[in-house]
Amino acid sequence: MGFTDEHLVPLVDDGLGNSAYLVGLGDGRALAVDASRDLRALRAAAERRGLTVAFAADTHLHADFLTGAVQLAADDGAAVLASAAGRRAYPHIPLADGDEIDLGGLTLRALATPGHTDEHLSFLLLDGPRELGVFTGGSLIVGSAARTDLLGAERAEELARAQYRSLRRLTELPDTTAVWPTHGAGSFCSAPPGTERTTTIGAQKAANDLLAAPDEDTFVHRLLGSLGTYPAYFDHLAESNRKGPAVLTSTPGQAPLTAGAVRALIAAGAHLVDARPVTEFAAGHIAGAVSNALRPTFATWLGWLLPDDASLVVVLGPRQDPAEPAWQAAKIGYDRLTGRLDGGMDAWRADDGRVETIQLVTADRIGDRPVLDVRQDAEFEAGHIPGAGHRELGTLAADTHDCADGTVVMCGHGERAMTAASLLARNGARGLAVLVGGADD
């Protein structure tokens, strides 16, 4: 069909560190690969190009987002392409190693590449006999390979050895073959820092440290040694994807709630998520609220720190889009956003609601106060304030950590630190402050 780069549209979710792909098939139809339940960007890209999604392929049972394939099947009539070994409980075309799908001018060939998950497939896109590129999902990624511990630490080594064999298989493709991974920089499914999200087989053979491993044991040691922690919600989302997420029949949103209704929901056990910027939260927030500033990583921290089976109430600022937190929550299966505080903090204050504050400090104002650094282990090890305590933010959900009153909480820019401070304050810590900036300051 004369495939060119213009036929492929990468759709990057910066918050999750992932890429979905939209492939124009030359006849007004399109293939979507690893689309999430938040289909806004994909639909906009398809509409601009006059495309209708006819095929929706998933490389594996995702742990970090709900698949959008079920929604595309319901709304667009897309045929869902996925591994037969995944035992998905919804209609799909089950594929095994070597199976091919005629896309109408192009062919999609399934390659079994277990490692990240047991049932993982890569999809080789062919134009006649020519290998155009391969959608590698969580197998070969730029500079690394995706983590192998999502099915439990006891299986991590076994799957790492499977990952070794899968990557060796992929490197048998021609060096010019494009590599289109799902997981990229910023993904907790294990991707190193960087700006490149696509690559080629040849480039990875030359630069990927894992591919340079002289033997399988060295590969396994390097891969397992690179794994950090991952969000708590990863442990159950793959099963949600096997069953199939509920089809959205309307745009996600949140009903406006009065201050009195919010107070009643909190008393009944609802969690309050304050999505305003750090400075606004610091200046005044509802007691017990968890700060999670509305930014690309909102969904990650929502799923890491709060349960998916409790009612959630959101506090927003006057210029924030009420639909955005609902969309981000929906893509990780957090469908219990009960509503938002109508009128924001002004309405709360007008109803005589209790308000608390947290001090913001610059680096020159820390003095001799104790410091708690809540960045990831790798960030802390790369450089930190001498004498600072360290707890990853993700660990504070299960154990909010006794910290001295007056502690200064810090991260890289301030958002994670404010989240941590809000959790610590909810646990009884007093006189907390948040560092404006990070270790470089």
Protein backbone atom coordinates (compact mmCIF):
# COMPACT_ATOMS: atom_id res chain seq x y z
CA MET A 1 0.00 0.00 0.00
CA GLY A 2 3.05 2.27 -0.01
CA PHE A 3 3.27 2.57 3.79
CA THR A 4 5.02 5.73 5.04
CA ASP A 5 5.68 7.29 8.43
CA GLU A 6 2.55 9.38 7.95
CA HIS A 7 0.43 6.25 8.24
CA LEU A 8 1.59 5.71 11.86
CA VAL A 9 0.48 8.07 14.64
CA PRO A 10 2.04 7.51 18.10
CA LEU A 11 -0.22 8.73 20.91
CA VAL A 12 1.82 9.36 24.05
CA ASP A 13 0.33 9.32 27.54
CA ASP A 14 3.01 11.27 29.40
CA GLY A 15 1.52 10.47 32.79
CA LEU A 16 1.69 6.70 32.41
CA GLY A 17 4.76 6.82 30.17
CA ASN A 18 3.05 4.80 27.45
CA SER A 19 2.38 5.03 23.74
CA ALA A 20 -0.66 3.80 21.84
CA TYR A 21 -0.57 3.72 18.05
CA LEU A 22 -3.05 4.54 15.31
CA VAL A 23 -2.22 3.04 11.92
CA GLY A 24 -3.99 4.21 8.78
CA LEU A 25 -4.68 1.30 6.46
CA GLY A 26 -5.16 3.32 3.30
CA ASP A 27 -8.89 2.75 2.85
CA GLY A 28 -10.37 4.94 5.56
CA ARG A 29 -9.91 2.23 8.16
CA ALA A 30 -7.38 2.11 10.96
CA LEU A 31 -5.66 -0.22 13.40
CA ALA A 32 -5.32 0.85 17.04
CA VAL A 33 -2.61 -0.80 19.15
CA ASP A 34 -2.64 -0.78 22.97
CA ALA A 35 -5.26 1.96 23.20
CA SER A 36 -6.34 2.92 26.71
CA ARG A 37 -9.88 3.48 27.93
CA ASP A 38 -9.25 7.22 27.64
CA LEU A 39 -9.71 7.39 23.88
CA ARG A 40 -9.85 11.18 23.52
CA ALA A 41 -6.47 11.59 21.79
CA LEU A 42 -6.96 8.55 19.59
CA ARG A 43 -10.41 9.64 18.47
CA ALA A 44 -9.18 13.15 17.72
CA ALA A 45 -6.30 11.77 15.63
CA ALA A 46 -8.65 9.44 13.75
CA GLU A 47 -11.15 12.22 13.08
CA ARG A 48 -8.47 14.55 11.73
CA ARG A 49 -7.45 11.86 9.26
CA GLY A 50 -10.95 10.67 8.39
CA LEU A 51 -10.31 7.20 9.84
CA THR A 52 -12.55 4.62 11.48
CA VAL A 53 -10.94 2.10 13.80
CA ALA A 54 -11.56 -1.35 12.31
CA PHE A 55 -9.05 -3.32 14.39
CA ALA A 56 -7.96 -2.92 18.03
CA ALA A 57 -4.91 -4.98 19.02
CA ASP A 58 -3.61 -5.47 22.55
CA THR A 59 -0.09 -6.80 23.03
CA HIS A 60 -0.78 -8.03 26.56
CA LEU A 61 -3.06 -7.84 29.58
CA HIS A 62 -2.08 -4.38 30.74
CA ALA A 63 -1.43 -3.74 34.42
CA ASP A 64 -1.21 0.05 34.24
CA PHE A 65 -4.35 1.02 32.32
CA LEU A 66 -7.67 -0.38 31.23
CA THR A 67 -7.82 -1.38 27.59
CA GLY A 68 -9.78 0.76 25.16
CA ALA A 69 -10.31 -2.18 22.80
CA VAL A 70 -13.65 -3.11 24.38
CA GLN A 71 -14.91 0.45 23.93
CA LEU A 72 -13.70 0.55 20.31
CA ALA A 73 -15.52 -2.71 19.63
CA ALA A 74 -18.73 -1.34 21.14
CA ASP A 75 -18.60 2.11 19.51
CA ASP A 76 -16.86 1.45 16.20
CA GLY A 77 -17.41 -2.25 15.61
CA ALA A 78 -13.65 -2.84 15.79
CA ALA A 79 -12.40 -6.41 15.76
CA VAL A 80 -10.32 -7.02 18.89
CA LEU A 81 -7.01 -8.85 18.27
CA ALA A 82 -5.36 -10.44 21.31
CA SER A 83 -3.51 -13.47 22.56
CA ALA A 84 -5.50 -16.69 22.81
CA ALA A 85 -3.48 -17.51 25.93
CA GLY A 86 -4.92 -14.45 27.67
CA ARG A 87 -8.35 -16.11 27.99
CA ARG A 88 -10.15 -12.80 27.67
CA ALA A 89 -13.80 -13.00 28.65
CA TYR A 90 -15.13 -10.77 25.86
CA PRO A 91 -15.40 -11.25 22.08
CA HIS A 92 -12.03 -11.13 20.32
CA ILE A 93 -10.01 -12.87 17.63
CA PRO A 94 -7.66 -15.17 19.59
CA LEU A 95 -4.16 -15.26 18.16
CA ALA A 96 -1.25 -17.63 18.65
CA ASP A 97 2.35 -17.45 17.50
CA GLY A 98 2.57 -17.05 13.75
CA ASP A 99 -1.10 -16.22 13.17
CA GLU A 100 -1.71 -13.48 10.62
CA ILE A 101 -4.50 -10.96 10.13
CA ASP A 102 -5.14 -9.41 6.73
CA LEU A 103 -5.66 -5.69 7.32
CA GLY A 104 -6.39 -4.98 3.67
CA GLY A 105 -3.04 -4.28 1.99
CA LEU A 106 -1.03 -4.79 5.17
CA THR A 107 -0.62 -7.89 7.30
CA LEU A 108 -0.28 -8.19 11.08
CA ARG A 109 1.64 -11.24 12.30
CA ALA A 110 1.52 -12.35 15.94
CA LEU A 111 4.84 -13.22 17.57
CA ALA A 112 4.79 -14.90 20.98
CA THR A 113 7.12 -12.85 23.19
CA PRO A 114 6.44 -13.87 26.80
CA GLY A 115 8.33 -12.23 29.65
CA HIS A 116 6.53 -9.08 30.71
CA THR A 117 3.45 -11.31 30.93
CA ASP A 118 2.89 -14.97 30.10
CA GLU A 119 0.59 -14.31 27.15
CA HIS A 120 2.48 -11.39 25.65
CA LEU A 121 2.40 -10.97 21.87
CA SER A 122 4.36 -8.62 19.65
CA PHE A 123 2.74 -7.66 16.36
CA LEU A 124 4.87 -7.52 13.23
CA LEU A 125 3.44 -5.20 10.56
CA LEU A 126 4.18 -6.37 7.02
CA ASP A 127 3.72 -4.78 3.62
CA GLY A 128 3.93 -7.87 1.47
CA PRO A 129 7.20 -9.57 2.46
CA ARG A 130 8.71 -6.36 3.89
CA GLU A 131 8.92 -5.97 7.69
CA LEU A 132 7.79 -2.40 8.36
CA GLY A 133 7.92 -2.46 12.12
CA VAL A 134 7.00 -4.39 15.21
CA PHE A 135 4.69 -3.36 18.04
CA THR A 136 6.64 -4.75 20.98
CA GLY A 137 4.37 -3.71 23.86
CA GLY A 138 6.30 -4.61 27.01
CA SER A 139 8.93 -6.81 25.40
CA LEU A 140 11.77 -4.90 23.72
CA ILE A 141 11.58 -1.21 24.69
CA VAL A 142 13.94 1.69 24.09
CA GLY A 143 17.09 0.96 26.06
CA SER A 144 15.66 -1.89 28.10
CA ALA A 145 12.89 -4.48 28.43
CA ALA A 146 9.75 -4.26 30.53
CA ARG A 147 9.61 -5.63 34.06
CA THR A 148 8.94 -9.30 34.75
CA ASP A 149 7.72 -9.21 38.37
CA LEU A 150 4.09 -8.22 37.84
CA LEU A 151 2.91 -11.80 38.33
CA GLY A 152 4.70 -12.03 41.66
CA ALA A 153 8.30 -11.90 42.86
CA GLU A 154 8.43 -15.69 42.87
CA ARG A 155 8.02 -15.75 39.07
CA ALA A 156 10.22 -12.75 38.24
CA GLU A 157 13.32 -14.76 37.34
CA GLU A 158 11.40 -17.34 35.31
CA LEU A 159 9.77 -14.57 33.27
CA ALA A 160 13.07 -12.70 32.95
CA ARG A 161 14.50 -15.79 31.27
CA ALA A 162 11.49 -15.88 28.96
CA GLN A 163 12.08 -12.18 28.26
CA TYR A 164 15.68 -12.98 27.31
CA ARG A 165 14.51 -15.48 24.71
CA SER A 166 11.83 -13.11 23.41
CA LEU A 167 14.29 -10.27 22.89
CA ARG A 168 16.71 -12.59 21.15
CA ARG A 169 13.90 -13.61 18.82
CA LEU A 170 13.05 -10.00 18.02
CA THR A 171 16.68 -9.18 17.22
CA GLU A 172 16.52 -11.73 14.39
CA LEU A 173 14.37 -9.22 12.49
CA PRO A 174 16.19 -6.98 9.98
CA ASP A 175 18.11 -4.09 11.58
CA THR A 176 15.98 -1.57 9.68
CA THR A 177 12.74 -2.85 11.25
CA ALA A 178 11.07 -0.11 13.29
CA VAL A 179 10.35 -0.89 16.95
CA TRP A 180 7.15 0.61 18.36
CA PRO A 181 6.99 -0.15 22.11
CA THR A 182 4.07 0.61 24.39
CA HIS A 183 6.06 1.30 27.54
CA GLY A 184 8.42 4.27 27.42
CA ALA A 185 10.21 6.75 29.64
CA GLY A 186 8.20 7.42 32.78
CA SER A 187 6.46 4.05 32.78
CA PHE A 188 6.55 2.08 36.03
CA CYS A 189 6.49 -1.03 33.83
CA SER A 190 10.23 -0.32 33.68
CA ALA A 191 11.66 2.02 31.10
CA PRO A 192 14.83 4.07 31.51
CA PRO A 193 14.83 7.87 31.32
CA GLY A 194 15.02 9.33 27.85
CA THR A 195 13.15 11.17 25.15
CA GLU A 196 13.09 8.56 22.39
CA ARG A 197 9.97 6.40 22.37
CA THR A 198 10.50 4.49 19.14
CA THR A 199 13.63 2.90 17.75
CA THR A 200 14.85 0.22 15.34
CA ILE A 201 16.13 -3.29 15.83
CA GLY A 202 19.59 -2.20 14.71
CA ALA A 203 19.71 0.75 17.09
CA GLN A 204 18.80 -1.47 20.02
CA LYS A 205 21.36 -4.09 19.11
CA ALA A 206 23.96 -1.32 19.20
CA ALA A 207 22.84 0.53 22.35
CA ASN A 208 20.57 -1.57 24.60
CA ASP A 209 22.56 -2.70 27.65
CA LEU A 210 20.36 -5.75 28.11
CA LEU A 211 20.99 -6.93 24.57
CA ALA A 212 24.70 -6.49 25.19
CA ALA A 213 24.57 -9.02 28.04
CA PRO A 214 26.99 -11.85 27.16
CA ASP A 215 24.68 -14.59 28.42
CA GLU A 216 21.24 -15.29 29.86
CA ASP A 217 22.31 -15.13 33.51
CA THR A 218 23.85 -11.69 33.04
CA PHE A 219 20.70 -10.50 31.26
CA VAL A 220 18.52 -11.74 34.12
CA HIS A 221 20.77 -10.10 36.73
CA ARG A 222 20.72 -6.77 34.89
CA LEU A 223 16.97 -6.78 34.30
CA LEU A 224 15.95 -7.79 37.81
CA GLY A 225 18.47 -5.38 39.30
CA SER A 226 16.85 -2.48 37.45
CA LEU A 227 13.36 -2.97 38.87
CA GLY A 228 11.95 -0.41 41.27
CA THR A 229 8.56 -0.32 42.96
CA TYR A 230 5.32 0.01 41.04
CA PRO A 231 1.81 1.36 41.83
CA ALA A 232 -0.43 -0.81 43.98
CA TYR A 233 -3.23 -0.89 41.44
CA PHE A 234 -1.03 -2.83 39.00
CA ASP A 235 -1.67 -5.96 41.07
CA HIS A 236 -5.30 -6.29 40.02
CA LEU A 237 -5.76 -4.36 36.77
CA ALA A 238 -4.60 -7.19 34.50
CA GLU A 239 -7.50 -9.31 35.72
CA SER A 240 -9.87 -6.40 35.07
CA ASN A 241 -8.53 -6.33 31.52
CA ARG A 242 -9.03 -10.07 31.15
CA LYS A 243 -12.67 -9.72 32.16
CA GLY A 244 -13.06 -6.57 30.08
CA PRO A 245 -13.78 -3.06 31.41
CA ALA A 246 -17.32 -1.76 31.42
CA VAL A 247 -18.30 0.15 28.29
CA LEU A 248 -18.64 3.87 28.96
CA THR A 249 -22.07 5.05 27.85
CA SER A 250 -21.41 8.72 28.59
CA THR A 251 -18.50 11.08 29.13
CA PRO A 252 -16.96 10.59 32.59
CA GLY A 253 -17.69 13.44 34.93
CA GLN A 254 -18.51 14.39 38.48
CA ALA A 255 -21.75 15.69 39.91
CA PRO A 256 -21.50 19.01 41.79
CA LEU A 257 -21.94 18.52 45.55
CA THR A 258 -22.77 21.02 48.25
CA ALA A 259 -20.42 21.48 51.19
CA GLY A 260 -22.97 19.73 53.37
CA ALA A 261 -23.14 16.74 51.04
CA VAL A 262 -19.34 16.51 50.97
CA ARG A 263 -19.23 16.62 54.76
CA ALA A 264 -21.75 13.77 54.94
CA LEU A 265 -19.80 11.67 52.43
CA ILE A 266 -16.57 12.15 54.37
CA ALA A 267 -18.34 11.04 57.55
CA ALA A 268 -19.52 7.94 55.69
CA GLY A 269 -15.96 7.01 54.69
CA ALA A 270 -15.40 8.78 51.36
CA HIS A 271 -11.87 9.88 50.47
CA LEU A 272 -11.30 13.52 49.59
CA VAL A 273 -8.87 14.17 46.73
CA ASP A 274 -7.72 17.76 46.35
CA ALA A 275 -6.54 18.20 42.76
CA ARG A 276 -5.62 21.88 43.01
CA PRO A 277 -2.06 23.09 42.48
CA VAL A 278 0.35 22.76 45.41
CA THR A 279 0.29 26.47 46.25
CA GLU A 280 -3.50 26.51 46.52
CA PHE A 281 -3.57 23.37 48.68
CA ALA A 282 -0.91 24.84 50.96
CA ALA A 283 -2.88 28.03 51.44
CA GLY A 284 -5.97 26.22 52.68
CA HIS A 285 -7.52 22.77 52.35
CA ILE A 286 -10.13 20.57 53.98
CA ALA A 287 -8.78 18.58 56.92
CA GLY A 288 -7.97 15.03 55.87
CA ALA A 289 -7.84 15.77 52.15
CA VAL A 290 -5.15 14.03 50.10
CA SER A 291 -3.29 16.38 47.78
CA ASN A 292 -2.92 15.02 44.24
CA ALA A 293 -2.36 17.95 41.91
CA LEU A 294 -4.11 17.52 38.57
CA ARG A 295 -1.23 16.82 36.18
CA PRO A 296 -0.28 13.98 33.81
CA THR A 297 0.64 11.64 36.70
CA PHE A 298 -2.67 12.18 38.54
CA ALA A 299 -3.93 8.68 37.67
CA THR A 300 -0.72 6.98 38.79
CA TRP A 301 -0.83 8.45 42.29
CA LEU A 302 -4.58 8.04 42.60
CA GLY A 303 -4.18 4.32 41.93
CA TRP A 304 -1.11 4.00 44.15
CA LEU A 305 -2.45 5.74 47.24
CA LEU A 306 -6.23 5.35 47.36
CA PRO A 307 -8.54 2.32 47.15
CA ASP A 308 -10.66 1.70 44.08
CA ASP A 309 -13.63 0.47 46.09
CA ALA A 310 -14.28 3.64 48.11
CA SER A 311 -16.19 6.76 47.15
CA LEU A 312 -13.94 9.61 46.01
CA VAL A 313 -14.82 13.29 46.19
CA VAL A 314 -12.68 15.80 44.28
CA VAL A 315 -11.84 19.41 45.10
CA LEU A 316 -10.88 21.53 42.09
CA GLY A 317 -9.76 25.08 41.49
CA PRO A 318 -11.89 27.51 39.48
CA ARG A 319 -9.88 27.10 36.27
CA GLN A 320 -9.60 23.30 36.27
CA ASP A 321 -11.59 21.07 33.93
CA PRO A 322 -13.98 18.86 35.96
CA ALA A 323 -13.84 16.17 33.26
CA GLU A 324 -10.05 15.68 33.44
CA PRO A 325 -9.79 13.88 36.81
CA ALA A 326 -12.77 11.73 35.83
CA TRP A 327 -11.09 10.64 32.58
CA GLN A 328 -7.81 9.92 34.32
CA ALA A 329 -9.58 7.91 37.00
CA ALA A 330 -11.59 5.98 34.40
CA LYS A 331 -8.51 4.79 32.54
CA ILE A 332 -7.30 2.92 35.64
CA GLY A 333 -10.75 1.66 36.66
CA TYR A 334 -11.50 4.19 39.38
CA ASP A 335 -15.15 4.65 38.50
CA ARG A 336 -16.36 5.75 41.93
CA LEU A 337 -15.77 9.47 41.66
CA THR A 338 -18.92 10.45 43.53
CA GLY A 339 -18.66 14.13 42.74
CA ARG A 340 -16.83 17.40 43.21
CA LEU A 341 -17.21 20.19 45.73
CA ASP A 342 -19.41 22.73 43.98
CA GLY A 343 -17.87 26.17 44.31
CA GLY A 344 -14.57 24.81 45.57
CA MET A 345 -12.94 26.05 48.74
CA ASP A 346 -14.92 29.30 48.68
CA ALA A 347 -18.11 27.27 49.15
CA TRP A 348 -16.49 25.24 51.92
CA ARG A 349 -15.38 28.34 53.81
CA ALA A 350 -18.80 29.95 53.36
CA ASP A 351 -20.31 26.88 55.03
CA ASP A 352 -17.96 27.30 58.03
CA GLY A 353 -15.89 24.32 56.99
CA ARG A 354 -12.63 23.62 58.81
CA VAL A 355 -9.53 24.62 56.84
CA GLU A 356 -5.91 23.62 57.41
CA THR A 357 -2.67 24.91 55.86
CA ILE A 358 0.81 23.55 55.12
CA GLN A 359 3.82 25.84 54.93
CA LEU A 360 5.89 26.12 51.75
CA VAL A 361 9.61 26.76 52.28
CA THR A 362 12.55 27.45 49.98
CA ALA A 363 15.87 25.64 50.36
CA ASP A 364 17.44 28.50 52.32
CA ARG A 365 14.71 28.25 54.97
CA ILE A 366 15.13 24.59 55.91
CA GLY A 367 17.60 25.37 58.69
CA ASP A 368 17.99 22.50 61.16
CA ARG A 369 14.53 21.06 60.58
CA PRO A 370 14.34 17.31 59.83
CA VAL A 371 13.93 16.49 56.13
CA LEU A 372 11.98 13.60 54.60
CA ASP A 373 12.68 12.83 50.92
CA VAL A 374 9.81 10.91 49.26
CA ARG A 375 11.30 10.36 45.79
CA GLN A 376 11.88 6.91 44.30
CA ASP A 377 14.90 4.96 45.53
CA ALA A 378 16.86 5.56 42.32
CA GLU A 379 16.27 9.31 42.53
CA PHE A 380 17.38 9.43 46.15
CA GLU A 381 20.49 7.40 45.46
CA ALA A 382 21.43 9.73 42.60
CA GLY A 383 21.75 12.63 45.04
CA HIS A 384 20.05 13.88 48.20
CA ILE A 385 20.38 16.32 51.07
CA PRO A 386 22.87 14.95 53.64
CA GLY A 387 21.05 13.55 56.64
CA ALA A 388 17.65 13.46 54.96
CA GLY A 389 15.31 10.63 55.84
CA HIS A 390 13.88 8.65 52.93
CA ARG A 391 10.56 6.93 52.27
CA GLU A 392 9.08 6.47 48.82
CA LEU A 393 5.74 8.22 48.50
CA GLY A 394 4.07 4.98 47.43
CA THR A 395 4.89 3.34 50.78
CA LEU A 396 3.01 5.98 52.74
CA ALA A 397 -0.39 4.66 51.69
CA ALA A 398 -0.09 1.47 53.74
CA ASP A 399 2.15 2.89 56.46
CA THR A 400 1.99 6.65 56.88
CA HIS A 401 5.28 6.67 58.80
CA ASP A 402 5.82 8.42 62.10
CA CYS A 403 7.70 11.63 61.41
CA ALA A 404 8.78 14.43 63.70
CA ASP A 405 6.57 17.48 63.93
CA GLY A 406 8.04 20.30 61.87
CA THR A 407 9.48 17.97 59.21
CA VAL A 408 10.20 19.44 55.77
CA VAL A 409 8.96 17.03 53.08
CA MET A 410 10.64 17.14 49.67
CA CYS A 411 10.63 15.47 46.24
CA GLY A 412 11.76 16.70 42.83
CA HIS A 413 9.43 19.66 42.33
CA GLY A 414 6.93 19.70 45.18
CA GLU A 415 3.85 17.81 44.00
CA ARG A 416 4.76 14.42 45.47
CA ALA A 417 6.03 16.09 48.63
CA MET A 418 2.68 17.82 49.15
CA THR A 419 0.89 14.51 48.63
CA ALA A 420 3.13 12.93 51.25
CA ALA A 421 2.63 15.85 53.65
CA SER A 422 -1.14 15.55 53.31
CA LEU A 423 -0.96 11.82 54.16
CA LEU A 424 1.31 12.48 57.13
CA ALA A 425 -0.94 15.30 58.38
CA ARG A 426 -3.94 12.99 58.10
CA ASN A 427 -2.01 10.60 60.35
CA GLY A 428 -1.45 13.27 62.98
CA ALA A 429 1.86 14.95 62.07
CA ARG A 430 1.94 18.67 62.79
CA GLY A 431 3.93 21.70 61.69
CA LEU A 432 4.89 20.12 58.38
CA ALA A 433 6.41 22.10 55.52
CA VAL A 434 6.98 21.30 51.86
CA LEU A 435 10.13 22.26 50.00
CA VAL A 436 9.54 24.40 46.94
CA GLY A 437 11.80 22.70 44.40
CA GLY A 438 14.07 19.70 44.94
CA ALA A 439 17.55 18.48 45.83
CA ASP A 440 19.21 20.68 43.20
CA ASP A 441 17.87 23.75 44.98
